[in-house]
Each structure stands twice: as structure tokens, then as C-alpha cells.
Amino acid sequence: QDGVNGSGGILRVRYRPENTTDRMVLHAVDARDVLNRRVHVIYAEATEQNEAVTLVPTPANGTVVLTIHAPHFGTATATVTDITGRYMATWRCELDGDGNGKASFSVMDLPQGAYFVHVDAEGHRSTVPLLIVR
């Protein structure tokens, strides 16, 4: 992280990779715009090239489906945080012998808002956005 500046609820980040394989993609929006439905999609890109994580639907209001394609079998742990980083929930998804997993989770216990789902699949990490609209 090279620098973080924030004002008026907007986060701006500058990032300089340490080597050519490091990468970070962050698209930040004002959380008030998300809640007021002025912004309908938040986009984030997986940080590991060997892993694909999808979460649909977003925006969600009932159940979401987490799909993971990782390089290893085992268990993936998904930690849900709000946009301030506060812990909200933990989900688990079993990965088959090829590193593939799919699981459904209820979001009915989470209030309307913007969240991040941080997925750790046997040491490979990705973050995907989740928007809940009621």
C-alpha cells in the first residue's frame, strides 16, 4: 500500500507492487451511494491467479451461492465483513479433489448494506463484494 486518502466517505488507494507478479484491483465507492441505490454494482477482482471465486446474486436479498475453483482440495473459509472491516459471519465450503466447491448461504441475518467476503481456500485468498438490498 502506497497511500490511502479518504474524504466524504470515499476511499482512494494508491498501490505499488513489490514485484511483477503482485497485483491489486480495488474499486471503491461511497457507501451512502450503495445504500441509496445510486450505485448498483461493486466490482472486485480475485487476488490469486490460480483461484476463481464467484458470489451470485449481488445485489442479494435471500440466498447467495459461493463457487470456488482453487488449486487444492480441502475446506474454504469465507469471512464476511462490512465495509469498515467488522466481522459479520463465517461460511465454509468443501472443495472436491479438483479444488472445486459450491455452497449456498442465507443472508437473511445480515442487514442491508455493502460487505466483503474474504475467501481462504487452503492458503489461497480472494475477496469478492456482496451487496444486500431489501
N, C-alpha and C. Protein backbone atom coordinates (compact mmCIF):
# COMPACT_ATOMS: atom_id res chain seq x y z
N GLN A 1 0.84 -1.17 0.00
CA GLN A 1 0.00 0.00 0.00
C GLN A 1 0.89 1.23 0.00
N ASP A 2 0.70 2.06 -0.96
CA ASP A 2 1.50 3.26 -1.09
C ASP A 2 0.87 4.42 -0.33
N GLY A 3 -0.43 4.50 -0.35
CA GLY A 3 -1.09 5.59 0.36
C GLY A 3 -2.58 5.42 0.34
N VAL A 4 -3.24 5.89 1.39
CA VAL A 4 -4.69 5.83 1.47
C VAL A 4 -5.18 7.21 1.86
N ASN A 5 -6.10 7.75 1.10
CA ASN A 5 -6.69 9.04 1.41
C ASN A 5 -8.19 8.88 1.42
N GLY A 6 -8.86 9.49 2.35
CA GLY A 6 -10.31 9.40 2.40
C GLY A 6 -10.93 10.73 2.75
N SER A 7 -12.05 11.04 2.12
CA SER A 7 -12.80 12.25 2.47
C SER A 7 -14.22 12.07 1.96
N GLY A 8 -15.15 12.53 2.72
CA GLY A 8 -16.54 12.47 2.31
C GLY A 8 -17.06 11.06 2.08
N GLY A 9 -16.50 10.08 2.78
CA GLY A 9 -16.96 8.71 2.64
C GLY A 9 -16.37 7.99 1.45
N ILE A 10 -15.41 8.59 0.74
CA ILE A 10 -14.80 7.96 -0.43
C ILE A 10 -13.37 7.57 -0.08
N LEU A 11 -13.01 6.35 -0.40
CA LEU A 11 -11.67 5.84 -0.14
C LEU A 11 -10.88 5.81 -1.43
N ARG A 12 -9.69 6.39 -1.42
CA ARG A 12 -8.80 6.34 -2.58
C ARG A 12 -7.52 5.64 -2.15
N VAL A 13 -7.07 4.69 -2.95
CA VAL A 13 -5.88 3.89 -2.62
C VAL A 13 -4.90 3.95 -3.77
N ARG A 14 -3.62 4.16 -3.46
CA ARG A 14 -2.53 4.02 -4.43
C ARG A 14 -1.73 2.80 -4.01
N TYR A 15 -1.38 1.96 -4.96
CA TYR A 15 -0.67 0.72 -4.66
C TYR A 15 0.49 0.54 -5.61
N ARG A 16 1.65 0.21 -5.06
CA ARG A 16 2.83 -0.10 -5.87
C ARG A 16 3.24 -1.54 -5.58
N PRO A 17 3.17 -2.43 -6.58
CA PRO A 17 3.53 -3.83 -6.34
C PRO A 17 5.03 -3.96 -6.04
N GLU A 18 5.36 -4.96 -5.20
CA GLU A 18 6.75 -5.22 -4.86
C GLU A 18 7.47 -5.96 -5.98
N ASN A 19 6.75 -6.74 -6.77
CA ASN A 19 7.36 -7.41 -7.92
C ASN A 19 6.31 -7.52 -9.01
N THR A 20 6.70 -8.05 -10.16
CA THR A 20 5.79 -8.04 -11.31
C THR A 20 4.62 -9.01 -11.17
N THR A 21 4.67 -9.95 -10.22
CA THR A 21 3.55 -10.88 -10.07
C THR A 21 2.51 -10.37 -9.07
N ASP A 22 2.84 -9.36 -8.28
CA ASP A 22 1.88 -8.78 -7.34
C ASP A 22 0.88 -7.94 -8.10
N ARG A 23 -0.39 -8.01 -7.69
CA ARG A 23 -1.38 -7.14 -8.29
C ARG A 23 -2.50 -6.90 -7.30
N MET A 24 -3.16 -5.78 -7.47
CA MET A 24 -4.28 -5.44 -6.61
C MET A 24 -5.24 -4.61 -7.44
N VAL A 25 -6.49 -4.96 -7.39
CA VAL A 25 -7.51 -4.18 -8.06
C VAL A 25 -8.54 -3.81 -7.01
N LEU A 26 -8.79 -2.53 -6.85
CA LEU A 26 -9.75 -2.07 -5.86
C LEU A 26 -10.59 -0.98 -6.49
N HIS A 27 -11.88 -1.16 -6.44
CA HIS A 27 -12.81 -0.15 -6.92
C HIS A 27 -13.65 0.24 -5.72
N ALA A 28 -13.48 1.45 -5.23
CA ALA A 28 -14.19 1.88 -4.03
C ALA A 28 -15.28 2.87 -4.43
N VAL A 29 -16.39 2.81 -3.73
CA VAL A 29 -17.48 3.75 -3.94
C VAL A 29 -17.92 4.25 -2.59
N ASP A 30 -18.66 5.32 -2.60
CA ASP A 30 -19.21 5.87 -1.38
C ASP A 30 -20.31 4.94 -0.88
N ALA A 31 -20.19 4.48 0.35
CA ALA A 31 -21.16 3.53 0.90
C ALA A 31 -22.57 4.11 0.91
N ARG A 32 -22.70 5.42 1.09
CA ARG A 32 -24.04 6.03 1.09
C ARG A 32 -24.70 5.88 -0.27
N ASP A 33 -23.92 5.95 -1.35
CA ASP A 33 -24.48 5.75 -2.68
C ASP A 33 -24.98 4.32 -2.86
N VAL A 34 -24.27 3.35 -2.29
CA VAL A 34 -24.69 1.95 -2.38
C VAL A 34 -26.03 1.79 -1.67
N LEU A 35 -26.12 2.29 -0.44
CA LEU A 35 -27.34 2.11 0.34
C LEU A 35 -28.51 2.89 -0.25
N ASN A 36 -28.23 4.00 -0.91
CA ASN A 36 -29.28 4.80 -1.53
C ASN A 36 -29.56 4.36 -2.96
N ARG A 37 -28.94 3.23 -3.36
CA ARG A 37 -29.15 2.62 -4.68
C ARG A 37 -28.71 3.50 -5.84
N ARG A 38 -27.80 4.43 -5.60
CA ARG A 38 -27.24 5.20 -6.71
C ARG A 38 -26.12 4.40 -7.39
N VAL A 39 -25.56 3.45 -6.67
CA VAL A 39 -24.56 2.54 -7.23
C VAL A 39 -25.09 1.13 -7.06
N HIS A 40 -25.18 0.38 -8.13
CA HIS A 40 -25.78 -0.94 -8.08
C HIS A 40 -24.79 -2.07 -8.12
N VAL A 41 -23.56 -1.83 -8.53
CA VAL A 41 -22.58 -2.90 -8.65
C VAL A 41 -21.27 -2.44 -8.05
N ILE A 42 -20.70 -3.29 -7.21
CA ILE A 42 -19.34 -3.07 -6.73
C ILE A 42 -18.52 -4.19 -7.34
N TYR A 43 -17.35 -3.89 -7.86
CA TYR A 43 -16.54 -4.88 -8.55
C TYR A 43 -15.24 -5.09 -7.81
N ALA A 44 -14.86 -6.33 -7.63
CA ALA A 44 -13.55 -6.66 -7.07
C ALA A 44 -13.01 -7.84 -7.85
N GLU A 45 -11.71 -7.92 -7.95
CA GLU A 45 -11.08 -8.98 -8.71
C GLU A 45 -10.33 -9.91 -7.77
N ALA A 46 -10.36 -11.21 -8.05
CA ALA A 46 -9.63 -12.17 -7.23
C ALA A 46 -8.15 -11.81 -7.22
N THR A 47 -7.51 -11.99 -6.06
CA THR A 47 -6.11 -11.61 -5.92
C THR A 47 -5.16 -12.76 -6.24
N GLU A 48 -5.66 -13.97 -6.36
CA GLU A 48 -4.82 -15.12 -6.71
C GLU A 48 -5.15 -15.54 -8.13
N GLN A 49 -4.14 -15.67 -8.99
CA GLN A 49 -4.39 -16.03 -10.37
C GLN A 49 -4.86 -17.47 -10.51
N ASN A 50 -4.56 -18.36 -9.56
CA ASN A 50 -4.93 -19.76 -9.66
C ASN A 50 -6.30 -20.05 -9.05
N GLU A 51 -6.99 -19.04 -8.61
CA GLU A 51 -8.23 -19.26 -7.91
C GLU A 51 -9.32 -18.35 -8.48
N ALA A 52 -10.50 -18.90 -8.67
CA ALA A 52 -11.64 -18.12 -9.13
C ALA A 52 -12.74 -18.25 -8.10
N VAL A 53 -13.25 -17.14 -7.66
CA VAL A 53 -14.32 -17.12 -6.67
C VAL A 53 -15.44 -16.26 -7.23
N THR A 54 -16.66 -16.80 -7.22
CA THR A 54 -17.82 -16.01 -7.62
C THR A 54 -18.87 -16.10 -6.52
N LEU A 55 -19.63 -15.04 -6.41
CA LEU A 55 -20.72 -14.97 -5.44
C LEU A 55 -21.90 -14.35 -6.17
N VAL A 56 -22.99 -15.11 -6.30
CA VAL A 56 -24.17 -14.61 -7.01
C VAL A 56 -25.42 -14.92 -6.20
N PRO A 57 -26.47 -14.16 -6.30
CA PRO A 57 -26.53 -12.87 -6.99
C PRO A 57 -25.98 -11.77 -6.09
N THR A 58 -25.57 -10.70 -6.68
CA THR A 58 -25.28 -9.48 -5.94
C THR A 58 -25.74 -8.32 -6.81
N PRO A 59 -26.67 -7.53 -6.40
CA PRO A 59 -27.27 -7.47 -5.08
C PRO A 59 -28.08 -8.71 -4.75
N ALA A 60 -28.09 -9.04 -3.45
CA ALA A 60 -28.80 -10.21 -2.95
C ALA A 60 -29.82 -9.77 -1.90
N ASN A 61 -30.80 -10.64 -1.66
CA ASN A 61 -31.73 -10.35 -0.57
C ASN A 61 -32.18 -11.60 0.18
N GLY A 62 -31.74 -12.77 -0.22
CA GLY A 62 -32.16 -14.00 0.46
C GLY A 62 -31.03 -14.99 0.61
N THR A 63 -30.64 -15.62 -0.50
CA THR A 63 -29.59 -16.63 -0.50
C THR A 63 -28.57 -16.30 -1.57
N VAL A 64 -27.30 -16.55 -1.27
CA VAL A 64 -26.23 -16.38 -2.26
C VAL A 64 -25.55 -17.73 -2.48
N VAL A 65 -24.96 -17.89 -3.65
CA VAL A 65 -24.22 -19.11 -3.99
C VAL A 65 -22.76 -18.73 -4.18
N LEU A 66 -21.89 -19.37 -3.40
CA LEU A 66 -20.45 -19.16 -3.47
C LEU A 66 -19.85 -20.31 -4.26
N THR A 67 -19.13 -20.00 -5.35
CA THR A 67 -18.47 -21.00 -6.18
C THR A 67 -16.98 -20.73 -6.14
N ILE A 68 -16.21 -21.79 -5.90
CA ILE A 68 -14.75 -21.66 -5.78
C ILE A 68 -14.07 -22.67 -6.69
N HIS A 69 -13.07 -22.22 -7.41
CA HIS A 69 -12.19 -23.08 -8.20
C HIS A 69 -10.78 -22.79 -7.71
N ALA A 70 -10.24 -23.65 -6.86
CA ALA A 70 -8.92 -23.47 -6.24
C ALA A 70 -7.97 -24.55 -6.72
N PRO A 71 -6.67 -24.36 -6.53
CA PRO A 71 -5.72 -25.36 -6.98
C PRO A 71 -5.62 -26.60 -6.09
N HIS A 72 -6.28 -26.61 -4.93
CA HIS A 72 -6.17 -27.72 -3.99
C HIS A 72 -7.54 -28.12 -3.46
N PHE A 73 -7.67 -29.36 -2.99
CA PHE A 73 -8.88 -29.79 -2.32
C PHE A 73 -8.77 -29.40 -0.85
N GLY A 74 -9.86 -29.50 -0.13
CA GLY A 74 -9.88 -29.18 1.30
C GLY A 74 -11.12 -28.39 1.65
N THR A 75 -10.96 -27.44 2.55
CA THR A 75 -12.07 -26.61 3.01
C THR A 75 -11.73 -25.15 2.76
N ALA A 76 -12.68 -24.42 2.20
CA ALA A 76 -12.53 -22.98 2.03
C ALA A 76 -13.35 -22.30 3.13
N THR A 77 -12.78 -21.26 3.69
CA THR A 77 -13.47 -20.47 4.71
C THR A 77 -13.73 -19.09 4.14
N ALA A 78 -14.96 -18.65 4.23
CA ALA A 78 -15.34 -17.31 3.76
C ALA A 78 -15.75 -16.48 4.97
N THR A 79 -15.04 -15.39 5.18
CA THR A 79 -15.35 -14.48 6.28
C THR A 79 -16.04 -13.25 5.71
N VAL A 80 -17.22 -12.94 6.22
CA VAL A 80 -17.98 -11.79 5.75
C VAL A 80 -17.72 -10.63 6.70
N THR A 81 -17.31 -9.48 6.11
CA THR A 81 -17.12 -8.27 6.91
C THR A 81 -17.91 -7.14 6.26
N ASP A 82 -18.29 -6.15 7.10
CA ASP A 82 -18.90 -4.97 6.50
C ASP A 82 -17.78 -4.12 5.90
N ILE A 83 -18.12 -2.99 5.30
CA ILE A 83 -17.11 -2.21 4.59
C ILE A 83 -16.12 -1.54 5.54
N THR A 84 -16.41 -1.52 6.84
CA THR A 84 -15.45 -0.98 7.81
C THR A 84 -14.51 -2.06 8.32
N GLY A 85 -14.74 -3.34 7.91
CA GLY A 85 -13.89 -4.43 8.35
C GLY A 85 -14.43 -5.19 9.54
N ARG A 86 -15.61 -4.84 10.01
CA ARG A 86 -16.21 -5.51 11.17
C ARG A 86 -16.72 -6.89 10.77
N TYR A 87 -16.35 -7.91 11.55
CA TYR A 87 -16.76 -9.30 11.31
C TYR A 87 -18.27 -9.43 11.39
N MET A 88 -18.85 -10.16 10.42
CA MET A 88 -20.30 -10.38 10.40
C MET A 88 -20.66 -11.86 10.42
N ALA A 89 -19.91 -12.71 9.71
CA ALA A 89 -20.26 -14.13 9.62
C ALA A 89 -19.09 -14.92 9.05
N THR A 90 -19.13 -16.24 9.26
CA THR A 90 -18.18 -17.15 8.65
C THR A 90 -18.95 -18.25 7.94
N TRP A 91 -18.56 -18.51 6.70
CA TRP A 91 -19.16 -19.59 5.91
C TRP A 91 -18.06 -20.59 5.57
N ARG A 92 -18.43 -21.86 5.39
CA ARG A 92 -17.47 -22.89 5.00
C ARG A 92 -17.98 -23.60 3.74
N CYS A 93 -17.01 -23.97 2.88
CA CYS A 93 -17.34 -24.64 1.62
C CYS A 93 -16.31 -25.73 1.40
N GLU A 94 -16.77 -26.97 1.22
CA GLU A 94 -15.87 -28.10 0.97
C GLU A 94 -15.45 -28.10 -0.49
N LEU A 95 -14.14 -28.32 -0.71
CA LEU A 95 -13.59 -28.39 -2.06
C LEU A 95 -13.33 -29.84 -2.41
N ASP A 96 -13.73 -30.26 -3.62
CA ASP A 96 -13.52 -31.65 -4.02
C ASP A 96 -12.06 -31.89 -4.42
N GLY A 97 -11.75 -33.08 -4.93
CA GLY A 97 -10.39 -33.44 -5.28
C GLY A 97 -9.76 -32.55 -6.33
N ASP A 98 -10.59 -31.89 -7.13
CA ASP A 98 -10.07 -30.98 -8.15
C ASP A 98 -10.00 -29.53 -7.67
N GLY A 99 -10.39 -29.29 -6.41
CA GLY A 99 -10.37 -27.94 -5.86
C GLY A 99 -11.61 -27.13 -6.14
N ASN A 100 -12.70 -27.79 -6.55
CA ASN A 100 -13.95 -27.11 -6.86
C ASN A 100 -14.93 -27.24 -5.71
N GLY A 101 -15.64 -26.16 -5.43
CA GLY A 101 -16.64 -26.19 -4.39
C GLY A 101 -17.76 -25.22 -4.69
N LYS A 102 -18.96 -25.55 -4.18
CA LYS A 102 -20.13 -24.69 -4.38
C LYS A 102 -21.03 -24.86 -3.17
N ALA A 103 -21.48 -23.76 -2.60
CA ALA A 103 -22.34 -23.82 -1.42
C ALA A 103 -23.27 -22.61 -1.41
N SER A 104 -24.46 -22.80 -0.85
CA SER A 104 -25.46 -21.73 -0.70
C SER A 104 -25.48 -21.25 0.73
N PHE A 105 -25.67 -19.93 0.91
CA PHE A 105 -25.71 -19.35 2.24
C PHE A 105 -26.84 -18.33 2.31
N SER A 106 -27.53 -18.30 3.44
CA SER A 106 -28.57 -17.31 3.66
C SER A 106 -27.94 -16.00 4.11
N VAL A 107 -28.46 -14.89 3.57
CA VAL A 107 -28.02 -13.57 4.01
C VAL A 107 -29.15 -12.85 4.76
N MET A 108 -30.16 -13.60 5.17
CA MET A 108 -31.32 -13.00 5.84
C MET A 108 -30.96 -12.39 7.19
N ASP A 109 -29.90 -12.89 7.85
CA ASP A 109 -29.49 -12.35 9.15
C ASP A 109 -28.62 -11.10 9.03
N LEU A 110 -28.20 -10.77 7.81
CA LEU A 110 -27.37 -9.59 7.61
C LEU A 110 -28.25 -8.41 7.20
N PRO A 111 -28.02 -7.24 7.79
CA PRO A 111 -28.80 -6.07 7.38
C PRO A 111 -28.41 -5.60 5.98
N GLN A 112 -29.28 -4.80 5.40
CA GLN A 112 -29.00 -4.22 4.09
C GLN A 112 -27.68 -3.46 4.16
N GLY A 113 -26.85 -3.62 3.13
CA GLY A 113 -25.60 -2.88 3.10
C GLY A 113 -24.57 -3.51 2.19
N ALA A 114 -23.38 -2.96 2.24
CA ALA A 114 -22.26 -3.44 1.43
C ALA A 114 -21.31 -4.24 2.30
N TYR A 115 -20.85 -5.37 1.78
CA TYR A 115 -19.98 -6.28 2.52
C TYR A 115 -18.86 -6.77 1.62
N PHE A 116 -17.83 -7.34 2.26
CA PHE A 116 -16.79 -8.06 1.55
C PHE A 116 -16.77 -9.48 2.06
N VAL A 117 -16.59 -10.43 1.15
CA VAL A 117 -16.46 -11.84 1.50
C VAL A 117 -15.02 -12.22 1.20
N HIS A 118 -14.26 -12.49 2.27
CA HIS A 118 -12.84 -12.84 2.16
C HIS A 118 -12.74 -14.36 2.20
N VAL A 119 -12.29 -14.95 1.09
CA VAL A 119 -12.25 -16.40 0.95
C VAL A 119 -10.81 -16.88 1.09
N ASP A 120 -10.61 -17.85 1.98
CA ASP A 120 -9.31 -18.51 2.14
C ASP A 120 -9.52 -19.97 1.77
N ALA A 121 -8.96 -20.38 0.64
CA ALA A 121 -9.09 -21.76 0.16
C ALA A 121 -7.72 -22.42 0.25
N GLU A 122 -7.46 -23.05 1.39
CA GLU A 122 -6.19 -23.75 1.61
C GLU A 122 -4.99 -22.84 1.35
N GLY A 123 -5.06 -21.62 1.88
CA GLY A 123 -3.95 -20.68 1.76
C GLY A 123 -4.02 -19.72 0.59
N HIS A 124 -4.95 -19.93 -0.32
CA HIS A 124 -5.14 -19.03 -1.47
C HIS A 124 -6.29 -18.09 -1.12
N ARG A 125 -6.04 -16.79 -1.20
CA ARG A 125 -7.02 -15.82 -0.71
C ARG A 125 -7.58 -14.95 -1.84
N SER A 126 -8.86 -14.67 -1.74
CA SER A 126 -9.56 -13.77 -2.66
C SER A 126 -10.60 -13.00 -1.88
N THR A 127 -10.97 -11.85 -2.40
CA THR A 127 -12.04 -11.05 -1.78
C THR A 127 -13.03 -10.69 -2.88
N VAL A 128 -14.31 -10.92 -2.59
CA VAL A 128 -15.37 -10.56 -3.53
C VAL A 128 -16.40 -9.70 -2.79
N PRO A 129 -17.07 -8.82 -3.51
CA PRO A 129 -18.07 -7.95 -2.87
C PRO A 129 -19.41 -8.65 -2.72
N LEU A 130 -20.18 -8.16 -1.77
CA LEU A 130 -21.56 -8.62 -1.57
C LEU A 130 -22.40 -7.39 -1.22
N LEU A 131 -23.46 -7.18 -1.96
CA LEU A 131 -24.38 -6.08 -1.70
C LEU A 131 -25.73 -6.68 -1.36
N ILE A 132 -26.28 -6.30 -0.22
CA ILE A 132 -27.59 -6.80 0.20
C ILE A 132 -28.58 -5.63 0.14
N VAL A 133 -29.66 -5.84 -0.61
CA VAL A 133 -30.69 -4.84 -0.78
C VAL A 133 -32.02 -5.47 -0.43
N ARG A 134 -32.78 -4.84 0.40
CA ARG A 134 -34.11 -5.35 0.80
C ARG A 134 -35.21 -4.54 0.17
